[in-house]
N, C-alpha and C. Protein backbone atom coordinates (compact mmCIF):
# COMPACT_ATOMS: atom_id res chain seq x y z
N MET A 1 -16.51 -139.44 -0.90
CA MET A 1 -16.18 -140.74 -0.36
C MET A 1 -15.38 -141.49 -1.40
N THR A 2 -14.25 -142.02 -1.01
CA THR A 2 -13.42 -142.76 -1.94
C THR A 2 -13.80 -144.22 -1.92
N SER A 3 -13.37 -144.96 -2.93
CA SER A 3 -13.72 -146.38 -3.00
C SER A 3 -13.06 -147.19 -1.88
N SER A 4 -12.01 -146.67 -1.27
CA SER A 4 -11.35 -147.40 -0.20
C SER A 4 -12.07 -147.23 1.15
N ASP A 5 -12.97 -146.25 1.22
CA ASP A 5 -13.74 -146.07 2.45
C ASP A 5 -14.86 -147.10 2.52
N ALA A 6 -14.97 -147.75 3.65
CA ALA A 6 -16.06 -148.69 3.87
C ALA A 6 -16.91 -148.15 5.01
N TRP A 7 -18.17 -147.91 4.74
CA TRP A 7 -19.08 -147.35 5.74
C TRP A 7 -20.22 -148.32 5.97
N THR A 8 -20.56 -148.51 7.23
CA THR A 8 -21.68 -149.38 7.58
C THR A 8 -22.70 -148.59 8.40
N THR A 9 -23.92 -149.03 8.34
CA THR A 9 -25.01 -148.33 9.02
C THR A 9 -24.96 -148.60 10.52
N ALA A 10 -24.94 -147.54 11.30
CA ALA A 10 -24.98 -147.64 12.75
C ALA A 10 -26.35 -147.21 13.29
N TYR A 11 -27.09 -146.45 12.47
CA TYR A 11 -28.44 -146.02 12.82
C TYR A 11 -29.19 -145.81 11.51
N ALA A 12 -30.45 -146.21 11.49
CA ALA A 12 -31.29 -145.97 10.31
C ALA A 12 -32.71 -145.69 10.75
N ALA A 13 -33.36 -144.79 10.04
CA ALA A 13 -34.76 -144.46 10.29
C ALA A 13 -35.49 -144.46 8.96
N ALA A 14 -36.69 -144.99 8.96
CA ALA A 14 -37.53 -144.98 7.77
C ALA A 14 -38.39 -143.72 7.81
N LEU A 15 -37.88 -142.66 7.22
CA LEU A 15 -38.58 -141.39 7.24
C LEU A 15 -39.67 -141.38 6.17
N ALA A 16 -40.70 -140.57 6.41
CA ALA A 16 -41.86 -140.54 5.53
C ALA A 16 -42.17 -139.12 5.08
N ASP A 17 -43.14 -139.02 4.20
CA ASP A 17 -43.60 -137.74 3.70
C ASP A 17 -44.46 -137.07 4.77
N PRO A 18 -44.08 -135.89 5.24
CA PRO A 18 -44.87 -135.19 6.26
C PRO A 18 -46.31 -134.95 5.83
N ALA A 19 -46.56 -134.84 4.52
CA ALA A 19 -47.91 -134.59 4.03
C ALA A 19 -48.83 -135.79 4.25
N ASP A 20 -48.26 -136.96 4.49
CA ASP A 20 -49.05 -138.17 4.68
C ASP A 20 -49.28 -138.51 6.15
N THR A 21 -49.03 -137.58 7.05
CA THR A 21 -49.17 -137.83 8.48
C THR A 21 -50.65 -137.90 8.85
N LEU A 22 -51.04 -138.98 9.50
CA LEU A 22 -52.43 -139.14 9.93
C LEU A 22 -52.75 -138.17 11.06
N ALA A 23 -53.99 -137.79 11.19
CA ALA A 23 -54.41 -136.75 12.13
C ALA A 23 -54.10 -137.08 13.59
N PHE A 24 -54.09 -138.38 13.96
CA PHE A 24 -53.86 -138.75 15.35
C PHE A 24 -52.37 -138.85 15.71
N MET A 25 -51.49 -138.70 14.75
CA MET A 25 -50.05 -138.75 14.99
C MET A 25 -49.52 -137.34 15.28
N PRO A 26 -48.34 -137.25 15.91
CA PRO A 26 -47.73 -135.92 16.08
C PRO A 26 -47.57 -135.26 14.71
N GLN A 27 -47.97 -134.02 14.61
CA GLN A 27 -47.93 -133.31 13.33
C GLN A 27 -46.54 -132.72 13.08
N PRO A 28 -46.08 -132.75 11.83
CA PRO A 28 -44.75 -132.21 11.51
C PRO A 28 -44.66 -130.72 11.77
N GLN A 29 -43.46 -130.28 12.09
CA GLN A 29 -43.20 -128.87 12.39
C GLN A 29 -42.21 -128.31 11.38
N SER A 30 -42.28 -127.02 11.20
CA SER A 30 -41.27 -126.29 10.44
C SER A 30 -40.41 -125.54 11.45
N PHE A 31 -39.22 -125.15 11.01
CA PHE A 31 -38.29 -124.46 11.90
C PHE A 31 -37.79 -123.20 11.21
N ARG A 32 -37.67 -122.12 11.98
CA ARG A 32 -37.17 -120.85 11.45
C ARG A 32 -36.36 -120.16 12.55
N GLY A 33 -35.08 -119.86 12.24
CA GLY A 33 -34.24 -119.16 13.20
C GLY A 33 -34.09 -119.94 14.50
N GLN A 34 -33.92 -121.26 14.37
CA GLN A 34 -33.86 -122.12 15.55
C GLN A 34 -32.72 -123.12 15.46
N THR A 35 -32.35 -123.61 16.64
CA THR A 35 -31.43 -124.72 16.77
C THR A 35 -32.27 -125.96 17.11
N VAL A 36 -32.10 -127.01 16.32
CA VAL A 36 -32.86 -128.24 16.50
C VAL A 36 -31.89 -129.32 16.95
N ARG A 37 -32.13 -129.88 18.14
CA ARG A 37 -31.24 -130.92 18.71
C ARG A 37 -32.00 -132.23 18.81
N GLN A 38 -31.42 -133.29 18.22
CA GLN A 38 -32.03 -134.61 18.22
C GLN A 38 -30.98 -135.65 18.60
N VAL A 39 -31.41 -136.69 19.28
CA VAL A 39 -30.49 -137.73 19.74
C VAL A 39 -30.88 -139.06 19.11
N VAL A 40 -29.87 -139.79 18.62
CA VAL A 40 -30.08 -141.14 18.09
C VAL A 40 -29.09 -142.10 18.75
N ARG A 41 -29.49 -143.36 18.86
CA ARG A 41 -28.64 -144.39 19.47
C ARG A 41 -28.02 -145.24 18.37
N LEU A 42 -26.70 -145.41 18.46
CA LEU A 42 -25.96 -146.17 17.45
C LEU A 42 -25.98 -147.67 17.78
N ARG A 43 -26.06 -148.47 16.75
CA ARG A 43 -26.03 -149.94 16.90
C ARG A 43 -24.62 -150.51 16.74
N ARG A 44 -23.71 -149.70 16.26
CA ARG A 44 -22.31 -150.11 16.16
C ARG A 44 -21.45 -148.87 16.31
N GLY A 45 -20.23 -149.06 16.67
CA GLY A 45 -19.31 -147.94 16.87
C GLY A 45 -18.28 -147.87 15.77
N GLY A 46 -17.32 -146.99 15.96
CA GLY A 46 -16.24 -146.81 15.01
C GLY A 46 -15.39 -145.63 15.45
N THR A 47 -14.47 -145.23 14.60
CA THR A 47 -13.61 -144.08 14.91
C THR A 47 -14.08 -142.82 14.22
N ARG A 48 -14.87 -142.98 13.14
CA ARG A 48 -15.42 -141.85 12.41
C ARG A 48 -16.88 -142.16 12.08
N LEU A 49 -17.64 -141.10 11.83
CA LEU A 49 -19.00 -141.33 11.39
C LEU A 49 -19.38 -140.32 10.31
N ARG A 50 -20.48 -140.62 9.64
CA ARG A 50 -21.05 -139.73 8.63
C ARG A 50 -22.55 -139.65 8.89
N LEU A 51 -23.09 -138.46 8.79
CA LEU A 51 -24.53 -138.26 8.91
C LEU A 51 -25.16 -138.23 7.53
N MET A 52 -26.32 -138.84 7.41
CA MET A 52 -27.11 -138.71 6.18
C MET A 52 -28.39 -137.98 6.53
N LEU A 53 -28.56 -136.83 5.93
CA LEU A 53 -29.77 -136.04 6.12
C LEU A 53 -30.57 -136.06 4.83
N SER A 54 -31.90 -136.06 4.98
CA SER A 54 -32.77 -136.23 3.82
C SER A 54 -33.75 -135.08 3.65
N ASN A 55 -33.96 -134.74 2.41
CA ASN A 55 -35.02 -133.83 1.99
C ASN A 55 -35.86 -134.54 0.93
N GLU A 56 -36.00 -135.85 1.11
CA GLU A 56 -36.63 -136.71 0.11
C GLU A 56 -38.03 -136.24 -0.28
N PHE A 57 -38.80 -135.76 0.68
CA PHE A 57 -40.17 -135.35 0.39
C PHE A 57 -40.33 -133.83 0.38
N GLY A 58 -39.22 -133.12 0.43
CA GLY A 58 -39.28 -131.66 0.44
C GLY A 58 -39.73 -131.09 -0.89
N ARG A 59 -40.31 -129.93 -0.83
CA ARG A 59 -40.75 -129.25 -2.03
C ARG A 59 -39.89 -128.01 -2.32
N ALA A 60 -38.95 -127.74 -1.43
CA ALA A 60 -38.00 -126.64 -1.57
C ALA A 60 -36.66 -127.13 -1.03
N PRO A 61 -35.56 -126.48 -1.37
CA PRO A 61 -34.26 -126.89 -0.81
C PRO A 61 -34.29 -126.83 0.72
N LEU A 62 -33.66 -127.82 1.34
CA LEU A 62 -33.48 -127.83 2.80
C LEU A 62 -32.14 -127.17 3.08
N VAL A 63 -32.16 -126.04 3.78
CA VAL A 63 -30.94 -125.31 4.09
C VAL A 63 -30.74 -125.35 5.60
N ILE A 64 -29.63 -125.93 6.01
CA ILE A 64 -29.24 -125.98 7.41
C ILE A 64 -27.89 -125.28 7.49
N ASP A 65 -27.83 -124.23 8.29
CA ASP A 65 -26.64 -123.38 8.31
C ASP A 65 -25.46 -123.98 9.03
N LYS A 66 -25.70 -124.89 9.98
CA LYS A 66 -24.60 -125.59 10.64
C LYS A 66 -25.14 -126.87 11.25
N VAL A 67 -24.39 -127.96 11.06
CA VAL A 67 -24.73 -129.25 11.65
C VAL A 67 -23.55 -129.69 12.50
N THR A 68 -23.84 -130.05 13.74
CA THR A 68 -22.80 -130.61 14.61
C THR A 68 -23.27 -131.95 15.14
N VAL A 69 -22.30 -132.75 15.56
CA VAL A 69 -22.59 -134.06 16.15
C VAL A 69 -21.61 -134.28 17.29
N GLY A 70 -22.09 -134.88 18.35
CA GLY A 70 -21.24 -135.17 19.50
C GLY A 70 -21.94 -136.13 20.43
N ALA A 71 -21.24 -136.55 21.46
CA ALA A 71 -21.83 -137.44 22.46
C ALA A 71 -23.02 -136.74 23.10
N ALA A 72 -24.12 -137.47 23.27
CA ALA A 72 -25.33 -136.87 23.83
C ALA A 72 -25.15 -136.45 25.27
N ARG A 73 -24.25 -137.10 25.98
CA ARG A 73 -24.07 -136.81 27.40
C ARG A 73 -22.77 -136.05 27.67
N GLY A 74 -22.51 -135.06 26.88
CA GLY A 74 -21.34 -134.23 27.12
C GLY A 74 -20.22 -134.48 26.13
N GLY A 75 -19.21 -133.69 26.24
CA GLY A 75 -18.10 -133.78 25.30
C GLY A 75 -18.28 -132.77 24.19
N PRO A 76 -17.23 -132.48 23.48
CA PRO A 76 -17.30 -131.45 22.44
C PRO A 76 -18.10 -131.92 21.23
N ALA A 77 -18.84 -131.01 20.65
CA ALA A 77 -19.53 -131.29 19.39
C ALA A 77 -18.59 -130.96 18.24
N ARG A 78 -18.70 -131.73 17.19
CA ARG A 78 -17.86 -131.52 16.02
C ARG A 78 -18.74 -131.13 14.83
N THR A 79 -18.23 -130.26 14.00
CA THR A 79 -18.98 -129.86 12.81
C THR A 79 -19.05 -131.01 11.83
N ALA A 80 -20.25 -131.26 11.34
CA ALA A 80 -20.46 -132.25 10.29
C ALA A 80 -20.62 -131.48 8.99
N ALA A 81 -19.53 -131.36 8.26
CA ALA A 81 -19.51 -130.56 7.03
C ALA A 81 -20.08 -131.34 5.86
N LEU A 82 -20.55 -130.62 4.88
CA LEU A 82 -21.02 -131.20 3.63
C LEU A 82 -20.14 -130.61 2.53
N GLY A 83 -19.29 -131.43 1.96
CA GLY A 83 -18.38 -130.95 0.93
C GLY A 83 -17.46 -129.85 1.43
N GLY A 84 -17.05 -129.95 2.69
CA GLY A 84 -16.13 -128.98 3.28
C GLY A 84 -16.80 -127.74 3.85
N SER A 85 -18.10 -127.62 3.70
CA SER A 85 -18.82 -126.45 4.19
C SER A 85 -19.71 -126.81 5.38
N ALA A 86 -19.76 -125.90 6.36
CA ALA A 86 -20.64 -126.12 7.51
C ALA A 86 -22.11 -125.99 7.09
N ARG A 87 -22.39 -125.28 6.03
CA ARG A 87 -23.76 -125.05 5.55
C ARG A 87 -24.18 -126.17 4.61
N TRP A 88 -25.34 -126.75 4.88
CA TRP A 88 -25.90 -127.80 4.04
C TRP A 88 -27.03 -127.22 3.20
N GLU A 89 -27.06 -127.59 1.94
CA GLU A 89 -28.22 -127.29 1.10
C GLU A 89 -28.55 -128.56 0.33
N ILE A 90 -29.71 -129.13 0.65
CA ILE A 90 -30.12 -130.40 0.04
C ILE A 90 -31.32 -130.12 -0.85
N PRO A 91 -31.20 -130.41 -2.15
CA PRO A 91 -32.30 -130.16 -3.08
C PRO A 91 -33.52 -131.05 -2.75
N PRO A 92 -34.71 -130.63 -3.19
CA PRO A 92 -35.89 -131.47 -2.99
C PRO A 92 -35.68 -132.85 -3.62
N GLY A 93 -36.16 -133.87 -2.93
CA GLY A 93 -36.06 -135.24 -3.45
C GLY A 93 -34.72 -135.90 -3.25
N LYS A 94 -33.80 -135.26 -2.54
CA LYS A 94 -32.44 -135.78 -2.39
C LYS A 94 -32.06 -135.97 -0.93
N ALA A 95 -30.98 -136.71 -0.73
CA ALA A 95 -30.35 -136.87 0.59
C ALA A 95 -28.88 -136.53 0.41
N ALA A 96 -28.20 -136.25 1.52
CA ALA A 96 -26.78 -135.92 1.46
C ALA A 96 -26.06 -136.56 2.64
N ALA A 97 -24.82 -136.97 2.40
CA ALA A 97 -23.98 -137.56 3.45
C ALA A 97 -22.87 -136.58 3.79
N SER A 98 -22.64 -136.41 5.09
CA SER A 98 -21.59 -135.49 5.55
C SER A 98 -20.22 -136.02 5.19
N ASP A 99 -19.25 -135.14 5.27
CA ASP A 99 -17.86 -135.56 5.22
C ASP A 99 -17.61 -136.41 6.48
N PRO A 100 -16.59 -137.26 6.49
CA PRO A 100 -16.29 -138.03 7.70
C PRO A 100 -16.01 -137.11 8.89
N VAL A 101 -16.57 -137.49 10.03
CA VAL A 101 -16.40 -136.73 11.28
C VAL A 101 -15.62 -137.61 12.25
N PRO A 102 -14.44 -137.18 12.72
CA PRO A 102 -13.70 -137.99 13.69
C PRO A 102 -14.41 -137.95 15.05
N LEU A 103 -15.10 -139.04 15.37
CA LEU A 103 -15.84 -139.13 16.63
C LEU A 103 -15.88 -140.60 17.05
N PRO A 104 -14.98 -141.01 17.94
CA PRO A 104 -14.99 -142.40 18.39
C PRO A 104 -16.30 -142.73 19.12
N THR A 105 -16.91 -143.85 18.73
CA THR A 105 -18.16 -144.29 19.34
C THR A 105 -18.11 -145.80 19.53
N THR A 106 -18.99 -146.30 20.38
CA THR A 106 -19.16 -147.74 20.57
C THR A 106 -20.64 -148.06 20.40
N ALA A 107 -20.94 -149.33 20.20
CA ALA A 107 -22.33 -149.75 20.07
C ALA A 107 -23.10 -149.34 21.31
N GLY A 108 -24.29 -148.77 21.11
CA GLY A 108 -25.12 -148.32 22.21
C GLY A 108 -24.95 -146.86 22.57
N ASP A 109 -23.91 -146.21 22.05
CA ASP A 109 -23.72 -144.78 22.33
C ASP A 109 -24.86 -143.96 21.73
N GLU A 110 -25.19 -142.89 22.40
CA GLU A 110 -26.15 -141.93 21.87
C GLU A 110 -25.39 -140.71 21.39
N VAL A 111 -25.72 -140.25 20.19
CA VAL A 111 -25.10 -139.05 19.66
C VAL A 111 -26.17 -137.99 19.44
N ALA A 112 -25.80 -136.75 19.72
CA ALA A 112 -26.69 -135.62 19.52
C ALA A 112 -26.35 -134.97 18.19
N VAL A 113 -27.36 -134.80 17.36
CA VAL A 113 -27.21 -134.11 16.09
C VAL A 113 -27.92 -132.77 16.25
N THR A 114 -27.17 -131.69 16.09
CA THR A 114 -27.71 -130.36 16.29
C THR A 114 -27.64 -129.59 14.98
N CYS A 115 -28.79 -129.08 14.56
CA CYS A 115 -28.89 -128.35 13.30
C CYS A 115 -29.35 -126.93 13.57
N TYR A 116 -28.58 -125.97 13.10
CA TYR A 116 -28.99 -124.57 13.22
C TYR A 116 -29.58 -124.13 11.89
N VAL A 117 -30.83 -123.66 11.95
CA VAL A 117 -31.56 -123.21 10.78
C VAL A 117 -31.79 -121.71 10.92
N ALA A 118 -31.08 -120.91 10.14
CA ALA A 118 -31.24 -119.46 10.21
C ALA A 118 -32.53 -119.02 9.52
N GLY A 119 -32.84 -119.63 8.39
CA GLY A 119 -34.04 -119.27 7.63
C GLY A 119 -35.19 -120.21 7.97
N GLN A 120 -35.91 -120.63 6.96
CA GLN A 120 -37.05 -121.53 7.11
C GLN A 120 -36.64 -122.92 6.66
N ALA A 121 -36.93 -123.94 7.47
CA ALA A 121 -36.66 -125.33 7.09
C ALA A 121 -37.93 -126.14 7.30
N GLU A 122 -38.37 -126.77 6.25
CA GLU A 122 -39.55 -127.63 6.31
C GLU A 122 -39.12 -129.04 6.69
N PRO A 123 -40.07 -129.84 7.15
CA PRO A 123 -39.73 -131.23 7.51
C PRO A 123 -39.69 -132.10 6.26
N GLY A 124 -38.66 -131.95 5.43
CA GLY A 124 -38.56 -132.64 4.15
C GLY A 124 -38.51 -134.15 4.25
N ALA A 125 -38.24 -134.69 5.41
CA ALA A 125 -38.34 -136.11 5.71
C ALA A 125 -38.54 -136.18 7.22
N TYR A 126 -39.41 -137.11 7.66
CA TYR A 126 -39.95 -136.99 9.00
C TYR A 126 -40.34 -138.38 9.52
N LEU A 127 -40.01 -138.65 10.77
CA LEU A 127 -40.46 -139.86 11.46
C LEU A 127 -41.40 -139.38 12.55
N HIS A 128 -42.68 -139.70 12.44
CA HIS A 128 -43.68 -139.11 13.33
C HIS A 128 -43.45 -139.42 14.79
N SER A 129 -42.96 -140.61 15.11
CA SER A 129 -42.75 -140.95 16.52
C SER A 129 -41.40 -141.63 16.68
N ALA A 130 -40.41 -140.85 17.05
CA ALA A 130 -39.06 -141.38 17.21
C ALA A 130 -38.87 -141.98 18.60
N GLN A 131 -39.87 -141.85 19.47
CA GLN A 131 -39.80 -142.33 20.84
C GLN A 131 -38.59 -141.77 21.57
N ARG A 132 -38.26 -140.54 21.22
CA ARG A 132 -37.19 -139.77 21.84
C ARG A 132 -37.65 -138.33 21.85
N THR A 133 -37.08 -137.56 22.72
CA THR A 133 -37.43 -136.15 22.78
C THR A 133 -36.34 -135.33 22.11
N GLY A 134 -36.77 -134.53 21.14
CA GLY A 134 -35.89 -133.56 20.51
C GLY A 134 -36.26 -132.18 20.99
N TYR A 135 -35.42 -131.21 20.71
CA TYR A 135 -35.64 -129.85 21.20
C TYR A 135 -35.38 -128.84 20.09
N ALA A 136 -36.18 -127.78 20.09
CA ALA A 136 -35.95 -126.64 19.20
C ALA A 136 -35.88 -125.40 20.08
N ALA A 137 -34.82 -124.63 19.92
CA ALA A 137 -34.62 -123.41 20.72
C ALA A 137 -34.40 -122.25 19.76
N PRO A 138 -34.81 -121.05 20.16
CA PRO A 138 -34.62 -119.91 19.28
C PRO A 138 -33.15 -119.55 19.13
N GLY A 139 -32.80 -119.07 17.93
CA GLY A 139 -31.44 -118.60 17.68
C GLY A 139 -30.44 -119.73 17.56
N ARG A 140 -29.19 -119.35 17.51
CA ARG A 140 -28.10 -120.31 17.37
C ARG A 140 -27.58 -120.67 18.76
N GLN A 141 -27.69 -121.93 19.11
CA GLN A 141 -27.23 -122.46 20.39
C GLN A 141 -26.09 -123.43 20.08
N ASP A 142 -24.87 -123.00 20.27
CA ASP A 142 -23.72 -123.82 19.88
C ASP A 142 -23.38 -124.92 20.88
N SER A 143 -23.94 -124.86 22.07
CA SER A 143 -23.64 -125.86 23.09
C SER A 143 -24.96 -126.40 23.65
N PRO A 144 -25.05 -127.72 23.86
CA PRO A 144 -26.27 -128.26 24.47
C PRO A 144 -26.58 -127.62 25.82
N ASP A 145 -25.54 -127.17 26.53
CA ASP A 145 -25.76 -126.53 27.83
C ASP A 145 -26.54 -125.23 27.68
N GLN A 146 -26.46 -124.60 26.51
CA GLN A 146 -27.19 -123.36 26.30
C GLN A 146 -28.69 -123.58 26.31
N LEU A 147 -29.15 -124.82 26.06
CA LEU A 147 -30.58 -125.10 26.04
C LEU A 147 -31.16 -125.14 27.45
N ASP A 148 -30.33 -125.44 28.44
CA ASP A 148 -30.80 -125.51 29.82
C ASP A 148 -31.26 -124.14 30.29
N GLY A 149 -32.46 -124.08 30.80
CA GLY A 149 -32.97 -122.85 31.37
C GLY A 149 -33.62 -121.91 30.38
N LEU A 150 -33.58 -122.21 29.08
CA LEU A 150 -34.24 -121.35 28.11
C LEU A 150 -35.74 -121.60 28.17
N VAL A 151 -36.51 -120.56 28.37
CA VAL A 151 -37.96 -120.69 28.47
C VAL A 151 -38.59 -121.05 27.13
N GLU A 152 -38.01 -120.59 26.05
CA GLU A 152 -38.60 -120.76 24.73
C GLU A 152 -38.31 -122.11 24.09
N VAL A 153 -37.68 -123.04 24.79
CA VAL A 153 -37.35 -124.34 24.21
C VAL A 153 -38.63 -125.13 24.00
N ARG A 154 -38.78 -125.68 22.80
CA ARG A 154 -39.95 -126.47 22.44
C ARG A 154 -39.49 -127.92 22.27
N SER A 155 -40.19 -128.85 22.88
CA SER A 155 -39.82 -130.26 22.73
C SER A 155 -40.76 -130.95 21.74
N PHE A 156 -40.27 -132.04 21.17
CA PHE A 156 -41.06 -132.83 20.24
C PHE A 156 -40.57 -134.27 20.29
N THR A 157 -41.39 -135.21 19.85
CA THR A 157 -41.01 -136.63 19.89
C THR A 157 -40.85 -137.21 18.48
N SER A 158 -40.72 -136.35 17.51
CA SER A 158 -40.54 -136.79 16.13
C SER A 158 -39.06 -136.68 15.76
N LEU A 159 -38.74 -137.13 14.57
CA LEU A 159 -37.36 -137.05 14.08
C LEU A 159 -37.40 -136.35 12.73
N TYR A 160 -36.51 -135.40 12.55
CA TYR A 160 -36.46 -134.63 11.32
C TYR A 160 -35.12 -134.82 10.62
N TRP A 161 -35.19 -135.14 9.34
CA TRP A 161 -34.07 -135.12 8.39
C TRP A 161 -33.04 -136.24 8.58
N ILE A 162 -32.82 -136.77 9.79
CA ILE A 162 -31.76 -137.76 10.02
C ILE A 162 -32.25 -139.13 9.54
N THR A 163 -31.67 -139.59 8.44
CA THR A 163 -32.10 -140.88 7.91
C THR A 163 -31.13 -142.00 8.27
N ARG A 164 -29.82 -141.68 8.36
CA ARG A 164 -28.83 -142.71 8.72
C ARG A 164 -27.63 -142.06 9.38
N VAL A 165 -26.95 -142.88 10.18
CA VAL A 165 -25.62 -142.55 10.68
C VAL A 165 -24.75 -143.72 10.28
N LEU A 166 -23.65 -143.44 9.63
CA LEU A 166 -22.71 -144.47 9.17
C LEU A 166 -21.44 -144.40 10.00
N THR A 167 -20.81 -145.55 10.23
CA THR A 167 -19.50 -145.57 10.89
C THR A 167 -18.49 -146.28 10.00
N ASP A 168 -17.23 -146.10 10.34
CA ASP A 168 -16.16 -146.71 9.55
C ASP A 168 -15.83 -148.12 10.03
N ALA A 169 -16.55 -148.65 11.01
CA ALA A 169 -16.31 -150.02 11.48
C ALA A 169 -16.96 -151.01 10.52
N PRO A 170 -16.28 -152.10 10.22
CA PRO A 170 -16.88 -153.09 9.32
C PRO A 170 -18.05 -153.80 10.00
N ALA A 171 -19.01 -154.19 9.20
CA ALA A 171 -20.14 -154.96 9.70
C ALA A 171 -19.66 -156.36 10.07
N SER A 172 -20.20 -156.89 11.15
CA SER A 172 -19.83 -158.25 11.56
C SER A 172 -21.00 -158.88 12.29
N GLY A 173 -20.98 -160.17 12.38
CA GLY A 173 -22.01 -160.89 13.13
C GLY A 173 -23.25 -161.17 12.31
N PRO A 174 -24.16 -161.92 12.91
CA PRO A 174 -25.39 -162.27 12.19
C PRO A 174 -26.34 -161.09 12.09
N VAL A 175 -27.24 -161.20 11.15
CA VAL A 175 -28.27 -160.19 10.96
C VAL A 175 -29.62 -160.86 11.14
N ILE A 176 -30.49 -160.22 11.90
CA ILE A 176 -31.83 -160.73 12.09
C ILE A 176 -32.80 -159.76 11.43
N VAL A 177 -33.66 -160.29 10.59
CA VAL A 177 -34.65 -159.47 9.89
C VAL A 177 -36.02 -159.97 10.27
N THR A 178 -36.92 -159.06 10.66
CA THR A 178 -38.29 -159.43 10.94
C THR A 178 -39.21 -158.62 10.05
N LEU A 179 -40.31 -159.22 9.66
CA LEU A 179 -41.30 -158.56 8.83
C LEU A 179 -42.65 -158.66 9.50
N GLY A 180 -43.46 -157.65 9.31
CA GLY A 180 -44.81 -157.69 9.86
C GLY A 180 -44.90 -156.94 11.16
N ASP A 181 -45.98 -157.20 11.88
CA ASP A 181 -46.24 -156.51 13.14
C ASP A 181 -45.44 -157.10 14.25
């Protein structure tokens, strides 16, 4: 990222340590040889975006063999590269931001983040209840349409690894902050 790039947060999640999950909450999952598809809603749009994935609480490197992002309701998915590579490797205790992805969005758009994990991936950062349904399917599924009709698709309501989505649109307007319950 160069100093002339200005990125603002379009989505943020406060991810936690999976080891601290209370027994009555959805329990964190690991993934092996699966495609993990998750959807987040953006609060602002732009012409480009960047994904921030976290392994903040991981105890081993988080390796994701391919990350794509695209409109949740159709349209082509684009590779979200890390340093020019489709393969992400995030060390324990760290987060990483993708290279800019040309994907025009507007406030309120939902984007699908799809991660293919060939090996083993632990939930290095985790939101126990994202109030959204994510999916894990066996093997590499390059298109969301490939998930339709697969018997082995597993659903979950948690969020894994996605800590922020940034856009190139400048921040504007008032900000409201609330604290407490």
